[in-house]
């Protein structure tokens, strides 16, 4: 990544991507623990559908995620 990239997307102080990933995995694991295959499919379909419709992760699933900016809508280019 070059200097232009870092000027456009400066690091977010205190943001740890790997820690965020681990927290998300732990939340999903707790939410889906003991689910049957059919329940897992419904869980992922429901959360995926919510993301596709809004461009955001449902607040129950988001936890402490930080977004730099509003995500683009499906089919919209930046």
PDB file of N, CA and C in Angstrom:
ATOM      1  N   UNK A   1       0.849  -1.171   0.000  1.00  0.00           N
ATOM      2  CA  UNK A   1       0.000   0.000   0.000  1.00  0.00           C
ATOM      3  C   UNK A   1       0.894   1.232   0.000  1.00  0.00           C
ATOM      4  N   UNK A   2       0.481   2.204  -0.760  1.00  0.00           N
ATOM      5  CA  UNK A   2       1.325   3.378  -0.907  1.00  0.00           C
ATOM      6  C   UNK A   2       0.816   4.546  -0.062  1.00  0.00           C
ATOM      7  N   UNK A   3       1.556   5.653  -0.132  1.00  0.00           N
ATOM      8  CA  UNK A   3       1.214   6.820   0.679  1.00  0.00           C
ATOM      9  C   UNK A   3      -0.168   7.378   0.340  1.00  0.00           C
ATOM     10  N   UNK A   4      -0.536   7.338  -0.942  1.00  0.00           N
ATOM     11  CA  UNK A   4      -1.852   7.838  -1.356  1.00  0.00           C
ATOM     12  C   UNK A   4      -2.970   7.071  -0.647  1.00  0.00           C
ATOM     13  N   UNK A   5      -2.819   5.748  -0.574  1.00  0.00           N
ATOM     14  CA  UNK A   5      -3.809   4.906   0.114  1.00  0.00           C
ATOM     15  C   UNK A   5      -3.957   5.358   1.563  1.00  0.00           C
ATOM     16  N   UNK A   6      -2.834   5.531   2.270  1.00  0.00           N
ATOM     17  CA  UNK A   6      -2.897   5.880   3.690  1.00  0.00           C
ATOM     18  C   UNK A   6      -3.407   7.298   3.910  1.00  0.00           C
ATOM     19  N   UNK A   7      -3.237   8.195   2.918  1.00  0.00           N
ATOM     20  CA  UNK A   7      -3.838   9.529   3.037  1.00  0.00           C
ATOM     21  C   UNK A   7      -5.361   9.435   2.928  1.00  0.00           C
ATOM     22  N   UNK A   8      -5.822   8.595   2.025  1.00  0.00           N
ATOM     23  CA  UNK A   8      -7.267   8.446   1.839  1.00  0.00           C
ATOM     24  C   UNK A   8      -7.918   7.628   2.952  1.00  0.00           C
ATOM     25  N   UNK A   9      -7.201   6.641   3.457  1.00  0.00           N
ATOM     26  CA  UNK A   9      -7.732   5.762   4.505  1.00  0.00           C
ATOM     27  C   UNK A   9      -6.751   5.705   5.675  1.00  0.00           C
ATOM     28  N   UNK A  10      -6.696   6.771   6.473  1.00  0.00           N
ATOM     29  CA  UNK A  10      -5.754   6.761   7.599  1.00  0.00           C
ATOM     30  C   UNK A  10      -6.157   5.710   8.631  1.00  0.00           C
ATOM     31  N   UNK A  11      -5.188   5.169   9.345  1.00  0.00           N
ATOM     32  CA  UNK A  11      -5.504   4.181  10.385  1.00  0.00           C
ATOM     33  C   UNK A  11      -6.433   4.782  11.442  1.00  0.00           C
ATOM     34  N   UNK A  12      -7.278   3.939  11.994  1.00  0.00           N
ATOM     35  CA  UNK A  12      -8.188   4.361  13.058  1.00  0.00           C
ATOM     36  C   UNK A  12      -7.505   4.050  14.377  1.00  0.00           C
ATOM     37  N   UNK A  13      -7.201   5.071  15.189  1.00  0.00           N
ATOM     38  CA  UNK A  13      -6.513   4.825  16.458  1.00  0.00           C
ATOM     39  C   UNK A  13      -7.281   3.833  17.332  1.00  0.00           C
ATOM     40  N   UNK A  14      -6.583   2.866  17.863  1.00  0.00           N
ATOM     41  CA  UNK A  14      -7.177   1.891  18.766  1.00  0.00           C
ATOM     42  C   UNK A  14      -7.950   0.779  18.080  1.00  0.00           C
ATOM     43  N   UNK A  15      -7.997   0.777  16.757  1.00  0.00           N
ATOM     44  CA  UNK A  15      -8.748  -0.246  16.024  1.00  0.00           C
ATOM     45  C   UNK A  15      -7.864  -1.471  15.805  1.00  0.00           C
ATOM     46  N   UNK A  16      -8.354  -2.641  16.211  1.00  0.00           N
ATOM     47  CA  UNK A  16      -7.622  -3.900  16.050  1.00  0.00           C
ATOM     48  C   UNK A  16      -8.490  -4.859  15.252  1.00  0.00           C
ATOM     49  N   UNK A  17      -8.190  -5.003  13.982  1.00  0.00           N
ATOM     50  CA  UNK A  17      -8.990  -5.818  13.069  1.00  0.00           C
ATOM     51  C   UNK A  17      -9.054  -7.275  13.521  1.00  0.00           C
ATOM     52  N   UNK A  18      -7.927  -7.828  13.946  1.00  0.00           N
ATOM     53  CA  UNK A  18      -7.900  -9.236  14.346  1.00  0.00           C
ATOM     54  C   UNK A  18      -8.749  -9.451  15.592  1.00  0.00           C
ATOM     55  N   UNK A  19      -8.665  -8.536  16.548  1.00  0.00           N
ATOM     56  CA  UNK A  19      -9.485  -8.652  17.758  1.00  0.00           C
ATOM     57  C   UNK A  19     -10.965  -8.551  17.402  1.00  0.00           C
ATOM     58  N   UNK A  20     -11.321  -7.654  16.467  1.00  0.00           N
ATOM     59  CA  UNK A  20     -12.710  -7.526  16.037  1.00  0.00           C
ATOM     60  C   UNK A  20     -13.192  -8.832  15.403  1.00  0.00           C
ATOM     61  N   UNK A  21     -12.349  -9.434  14.566  1.00  0.00           N
ATOM     62  CA  UNK A  21     -12.687 -10.702  13.925  1.00  0.00           C
ATOM     63  C   UNK A  21     -12.927 -11.789  14.974  1.00  0.00           C
ATOM     64  N   UNK A  22     -12.064 -11.855  15.972  1.00  0.00           N
ATOM     65  CA  UNK A  22     -12.225 -12.869  17.022  1.00  0.00           C
ATOM     66  C   UNK A  22     -13.510 -12.650  17.820  1.00  0.00           C
ATOM     67  N   UNK A  23     -13.835 -11.377  18.117  1.00  0.00           N
ATOM     68  CA  UNK A  23     -15.082 -11.101  18.846  1.00  0.00           C
ATOM     69  C   UNK A  23     -16.297 -11.505  18.018  1.00  0.00           C
ATOM     70  N   UNK A  24     -16.252 -11.207  16.727  1.00  0.00           N
ATOM     71  CA  UNK A  24     -17.374 -11.580  15.847  1.00  0.00           C
ATOM     72  C   UNK A  24     -17.516 -13.095  15.793  1.00  0.00           C
ATOM     73  N   UNK A  25     -16.412 -13.803  15.655  1.00  0.00           N
ATOM     74  CA  UNK A  25     -16.475 -15.265  15.615  1.00  0.00           C
ATOM     75  C   UNK A  25     -17.040 -15.824  16.921  1.00  0.00           C
ATOM     76  N   UNK A  26     -16.650 -15.243  18.032  1.00  0.00           N
ATOM     77  CA  UNK A  26     -17.144 -15.714  19.336  1.00  0.00           C
ATOM     78  C   UNK A  26     -18.646 -15.453  19.465  1.00  0.00           C
ATOM     79  N   UNK A  27     -19.120 -14.267  19.036  1.00  0.00           N
ATOM     80  CA  UNK A  27     -20.561 -13.972  19.086  1.00  0.00           C
ATOM     81  C   UNK A  27     -21.344 -14.960  18.229  1.00  0.00           C
ATOM     82  N   UNK A  28     -20.848 -15.228  17.024  1.00  0.00           N
ATOM     83  CA  UNK A  28     -21.542 -16.165  16.129  1.00  0.00           C
ATOM     84  C   UNK A  28     -21.528 -17.561  16.736  1.00  0.00           C
ATOM     85  N   UNK A  29     -20.413 -17.954  17.313  1.00  0.00           N
ATOM     86  CA  UNK A  29     -20.323 -19.282  17.933  1.00  0.00           C
ATOM     87  C   UNK A  29     -21.340 -19.419  19.066  1.00  0.00           C
ATOM     88  N   UNK A  30     -21.412 -18.394  19.940  1.00  0.00           N
ATOM     89  CA  UNK A  30     -22.376 -18.443  21.048  1.00  0.00           C
ATOM     90  C   UNK A  30     -23.813 -18.466  20.529  1.00  0.00           C
ATOM     91  N   UNK A  31     -24.088 -17.656  19.498  1.00  0.00           N
ATOM     92  CA  UNK A  31     -25.451 -17.565  18.966  1.00  0.00           C
ATOM     93  C   UNK A  31     -25.882 -18.852  18.267  1.00  0.00           C
ATOM     94  N   UNK A  32     -24.928 -19.590  17.696  1.00  0.00           N
ATOM     95  CA  UNK A  32     -25.284 -20.764  16.890  1.00  0.00           C
ATOM     96  C   UNK A  32     -24.972 -22.083  17.586  1.00  0.00           C
ATOM     97  N   UNK A  33     -24.418 -22.018  18.766  1.00  0.00           N
ATOM     98  CA  UNK A  33     -24.046 -23.243  19.489  1.00  0.00           C
ATOM     99  C   UNK A  33     -25.278 -24.131  19.702  1.00  0.00           C
ATOM    100  N   UNK A  34     -25.179 -25.358  19.306  1.00  0.00           N
ATOM    101  CA  UNK A  34     -26.255 -26.320  19.502  1.00  0.00           C
ATOM    102  C   UNK A  34     -27.343 -26.270  18.440  1.00  0.00           C
ATOM    103  N   UNK A  35     -27.201 -25.408  17.437  1.00  0.00           N
ATOM    104  CA  UNK A  35     -28.218 -25.339  16.379  1.00  0.00           C
ATOM    105  C   UNK A  35     -28.112 -26.533  15.447  1.00  0.00           C
ATOM    106  N   UNK A  36     -29.249 -26.938  14.927  1.00  0.00           N
ATOM    107  CA  UNK A  36     -29.267 -27.987  13.916  1.00  0.00           C
ATOM    108  C   UNK A  36     -28.819 -27.378  12.587  1.00  0.00           C
ATOM    109  N   UNK A  37     -28.576 -28.223  11.600  1.00  0.00           N
ATOM    110  CA  UNK A  37     -28.191 -27.723  10.277  1.00  0.00           C
ATOM    111  C   UNK A  37     -29.250 -26.780   9.717  1.00  0.00           C
ATOM    112  N   UNK A  38     -30.513 -27.135   9.865  1.00  0.00           N
ATOM    113  CA  UNK A  38     -31.590 -26.275   9.358  1.00  0.00           C
ATOM    114  C   UNK A  38     -31.622 -24.930  10.091  1.00  0.00           C
ATOM    115  N   UNK A  39     -31.399 -24.939  11.392  1.00  0.00           N
ATOM    116  CA  UNK A  39     -31.372 -23.700  12.163  1.00  0.00           C
ATOM    117  C   UNK A  39     -30.181 -22.831  11.752  1.00  0.00           C
ATOM    118  N   UNK A  40     -29.025 -23.456  11.504  1.00  0.00           N
ATOM    119  CA  UNK A  40     -27.849 -22.710  11.048  1.00  0.00           C
ATOM    120  C   UNK A  40     -28.119 -22.043   9.697  1.00  0.00           C
ATOM    121  N   UNK A  41     -28.727 -22.794   8.783  1.00  0.00           N
ATOM    122  CA  UNK A  41     -29.048 -22.242   7.468  1.00  0.00           C
ATOM    123  C   UNK A  41     -29.969 -21.042   7.622  1.00  0.00           C
ATOM    124  N   UNK A  42     -30.986 -21.149   8.460  1.00  0.00           N
ATOM    125  CA  UNK A  42     -31.915 -20.034   8.685  1.00  0.00           C
ATOM    126  C   UNK A  42     -31.189 -18.846   9.315  1.00  0.00           C
ATOM    127  N   UNK A  43     -30.311 -19.093  10.281  1.00  0.00           N
ATOM    128  CA  UNK A  43     -29.543 -18.029  10.938  1.00  0.00           C
ATOM    129  C   UNK A  43     -28.727 -17.249   9.905  1.00  0.00           C
ATOM    130  N   UNK A  44     -27.974 -17.961   9.073  1.00  0.00           N
ATOM    131  CA  UNK A  44     -27.135 -17.285   8.085  1.00  0.00           C
ATOM    132  C   UNK A  44     -27.961 -16.625   6.986  1.00  0.00           C
ATOM    133  N   UNK A  45     -29.059 -17.245   6.598  1.00  0.00           N
ATOM    134  CA  UNK A  45     -29.945 -16.612   5.619  1.00  0.00           C
ATOM    135  C   UNK A  45     -30.530 -15.313   6.173  1.00  0.00           C
ATOM    136  N   UNK A  46     -30.970 -15.345   7.427  1.00  0.00           N
ATOM    137  CA  UNK A  46     -31.587 -14.170   8.054  1.00  0.00           C
ATOM    138  C   UNK A  46     -30.581 -13.023   8.178  1.00  0.00           C
ATOM    139  N   UNK A  47     -29.380 -13.315   8.691  1.00  0.00           N
ATOM    140  CA  UNK A  47     -28.401 -12.240   8.860  1.00  0.00           C
ATOM    141  C   UNK A  47     -27.884 -11.754   7.504  1.00  0.00           C
ATOM    142  N   UNK A  48     -27.724 -12.656   6.547  1.00  0.00           N
ATOM    143  CA  UNK A  48     -27.299 -12.255   5.207  1.00  0.00           C
ATOM    144  C   UNK A  48     -28.344 -11.392   4.526  1.00  0.00           C
ATOM    145  N   UNK A  49     -29.605 -11.754   4.692  1.00  0.00           N
ATOM    146  CA  UNK A  49     -30.705 -11.001   4.097  1.00  0.00           C
ATOM    147  C   UNK A  49     -30.733  -9.578   4.689  1.00  0.00           C
ATOM    148  N   UNK A  50     -30.574  -9.482   5.999  1.00  0.00           N
ATOM    149  CA  UNK A  50     -30.576  -8.167   6.650  1.00  0.00           C
ATOM    150  C   UNK A  50     -29.428  -7.315   6.124  1.00  0.00           C
ATOM    151  N   UNK A  51     -28.255  -7.914   5.929  1.00  0.00           N
ATOM    152  CA  UNK A  51     -27.115  -7.158   5.407  1.00  0.00           C
ATOM    153  C   UNK A  51     -27.357  -6.699   3.973  1.00  0.00           C
ATOM    154  N   UNK A  52     -27.883  -7.584   3.141  1.00  0.00           N
ATOM    155  CA  UNK A  52     -28.154  -7.214   1.745  1.00  0.00           C
ATOM    156  C   UNK A  52     -29.182  -6.093   1.649  1.00  0.00           C
ATOM    157  N   UNK A  53     -30.178  -6.110   2.525  1.00  0.00           N
ATOM    158  CA  UNK A  53     -31.244  -5.103   2.464  1.00  0.00           C
ATOM    159  C   UNK A  53     -30.803  -3.736   2.992  1.00  0.00           C
ATOM    160  N   UNK A  54     -29.948  -3.726   3.986  1.00  0.00           N
ATOM    161  CA  UNK A  54     -29.582  -2.458   4.624  1.00  0.00           C
ATOM    162  C   UNK A  54     -28.144  -2.039   4.362  1.00  0.00           C
ATOM    163  N   UNK A  55     -27.293  -2.989   3.987  1.00  0.00           N
ATOM    164  CA  UNK A  55     -25.875  -2.685   3.836  1.00  0.00           C
ATOM    165  C   UNK A  55     -25.168  -2.598   5.175  1.00  0.00           C
ATOM    166  N   UNK A  56     -25.876  -2.978   6.236  1.00  0.00           N
ATOM    167  CA  UNK A  56     -25.302  -2.929   7.578  1.00  0.00           C
ATOM    168  C   UNK A  56     -25.511  -4.261   8.274  1.00  0.00           C
ATOM    169  N   UNK A  57     -24.655  -4.550   9.214  1.00  0.00           N
ATOM    170  CA  UNK A  57     -24.794  -5.744  10.034  1.00  0.00           C
ATOM    171  C   UNK A  57     -25.863  -5.436  11.082  1.00  0.00           C
ATOM    172  N   UNK A  58     -26.824  -6.353  11.312  1.00  0.00           N
ATOM    173  CA  UNK A  58     -27.844  -6.089  12.333  1.00  0.00           C
ATOM    174  C   UNK A  58     -27.186  -5.720  13.664  1.00  0.00           C
ATOM    175  N   UNK A  59     -27.738  -4.754  14.376  1.00  0.00           N
ATOM    176  CA  UNK A  59     -27.101  -4.248  15.595  1.00  0.00           C
ATOM    177  C   UNK A  59     -26.840  -5.345  16.615  1.00  0.00           C
ATOM    178  N   UNK A  60     -27.693  -6.335  16.677  1.00  0.00           N
ATOM    179  CA  UNK A  60     -27.483  -7.456  17.606  1.00  0.00           C
ATOM    180  C   UNK A  60     -26.193  -8.200  17.238  1.00  0.00           C
ATOM    181  N   UNK A  61     -25.891  -8.298  15.961  1.00  0.00           N
ATOM    182  CA  UNK A  61     -24.699  -9.003  15.498  1.00  0.00           C
ATOM    183  C   UNK A  61     -23.464  -8.115  15.488  1.00  0.00           C
ATOM    184  N   UNK A  62     -23.639  -6.798  15.417  1.00  0.00           N
ATOM    185  CA  UNK A  62     -22.514  -5.908  15.208  1.00  0.00           C
ATOM    186  C   UNK A  62     -21.631  -5.760  16.441  1.00  0.00           C
ATOM    187  N   UNK A  63     -22.215  -5.830  17.622  1.00  0.00           N
ATOM    188  CA  UNK A  63     -21.410  -5.661  18.820  1.00  0.00           C
ATOM    189  C   UNK A  63     -20.717  -4.312  18.821  1.00  0.00           C
ATOM    190  N   UNK A  64     -19.398  -4.327  18.901  1.00  0.00           N
ATOM    191  CA  UNK A  64     -18.651  -3.069  18.994  1.00  0.00           C
ATOM    192  C   UNK A  64     -17.911  -2.742  17.703  1.00  0.00           C
ATOM    193  N   UNK A  65     -18.436  -3.177  16.560  1.00  0.00           N
ATOM    194  CA  UNK A  65     -17.761  -2.899  15.302  1.00  0.00           C
ATOM    195  C   UNK A  65     -17.790  -1.405  15.008  1.00  0.00           C
ATOM    196  N   UNK A  66     -16.739  -0.916  14.403  1.00  0.00           N
ATOM    197  CA  UNK A  66     -16.626   0.487  14.040  1.00  0.00           C
ATOM    198  C   UNK A  66     -16.582   0.567  12.518  1.00  0.00           C
ATOM    199  N   UNK A  67     -17.457   1.380  11.942  1.00  0.00           N
ATOM    200  CA  UNK A  67     -17.436   1.581  10.500  1.00  0.00           C
ATOM    201  C   UNK A  67     -16.824   2.935  10.203  1.00  0.00           C
ATOM    202  N   UNK A  68     -15.955   2.961   9.216  1.00  0.00           N
ATOM    203  CA  UNK A  68     -15.309   4.210   8.812  1.00  0.00           C
ATOM    204  C   UNK A  68     -16.308   5.113   8.095  1.00  0.00           C
ATOM    205  N   UNK A  69     -17.174   4.536   7.304  1.00  0.00           N
ATOM    206  CA  UNK A  69     -18.138   5.308   6.531  1.00  0.00           C
ATOM    207  C   UNK A  69     -19.326   4.423   6.217  1.00  0.00           C
ATOM    208  N   UNK A  70     -20.377   5.013   5.720  1.00  0.00           N
ATOM    209  CA  UNK A  70     -21.553   4.243   5.336  1.00  0.00           C
ATOM    210  C   UNK A  70     -21.186   3.328   4.172  1.00  0.00           C
ATOM    211  N   UNK A  71     -21.558   2.042   4.233  1.00  0.00           N
ATOM    212  CA  UNK A  71     -21.259   1.155   3.126  1.00  0.00           C
ATOM    213  C   UNK A  71     -22.089   1.532   1.898  1.00  0.00           C
ATOM    214  N   UNK A  72     -21.562   1.193   0.739  1.00  0.00           N
ATOM    215  CA  UNK A  72     -22.315   1.484  -0.486  1.00  0.00           C
ATOM    216  C   UNK A  72     -23.465   0.508  -0.619  1.00  0.00           C
ATOM    217  N   UNK A  73     -24.477   0.920  -1.341  1.00  0.00           N
ATOM    218  CA  UNK A  73     -25.631   0.047  -1.590  1.00  0.00           C
ATOM    219  C   UNK A  73     -25.256  -0.971  -2.673  1.00  0.00           C
ATOM    220  N   UNK A  74     -25.907  -2.129  -2.655  1.00  0.00           N
ATOM    221  CA  UNK A  74     -25.626  -3.122  -3.700  1.00  0.00           C
ATOM    222  C   UNK A  74     -25.796  -2.504  -5.093  1.00  0.00           C
ATOM    223  N   UNK A  75     -24.824  -2.734  -5.955  1.00  0.00           N
ATOM    224  CA  UNK A  75     -24.869  -2.216  -7.302  1.00  0.00           C
ATOM    225  C   UNK A  75     -24.360  -0.783  -7.448  1.00  0.00           C
ATOM    226  N   UNK A  76     -24.062  -0.131  -6.328  1.00  0.00           N
ATOM    227  CA  UNK A  76     -23.567   1.242  -6.339  1.00  0.00           C
ATOM    228  C   UNK A  76     -22.049   1.220  -6.331  1.00  0.00           C
ATOM    229  N   UNK A  77     -21.423   1.993  -7.164  1.00  0.00           N
ATOM    230  CA  UNK A  77     -19.963   2.034  -7.161  1.00  0.00           C
ATOM    231  C   UNK A  77     -19.477   3.242  -6.404  1.00  0.00           C
ATOM    232  N   UNK A  78     -18.244   3.165  -5.940  1.00  0.00           N
ATOM    233  CA  UNK A  78     -17.650   4.271  -5.180  1.00  0.00           C
ATOM    234  C   UNK A  78     -16.663   5.002  -6.030  1.00  0.00           C
TER     235      UNK A  78
END
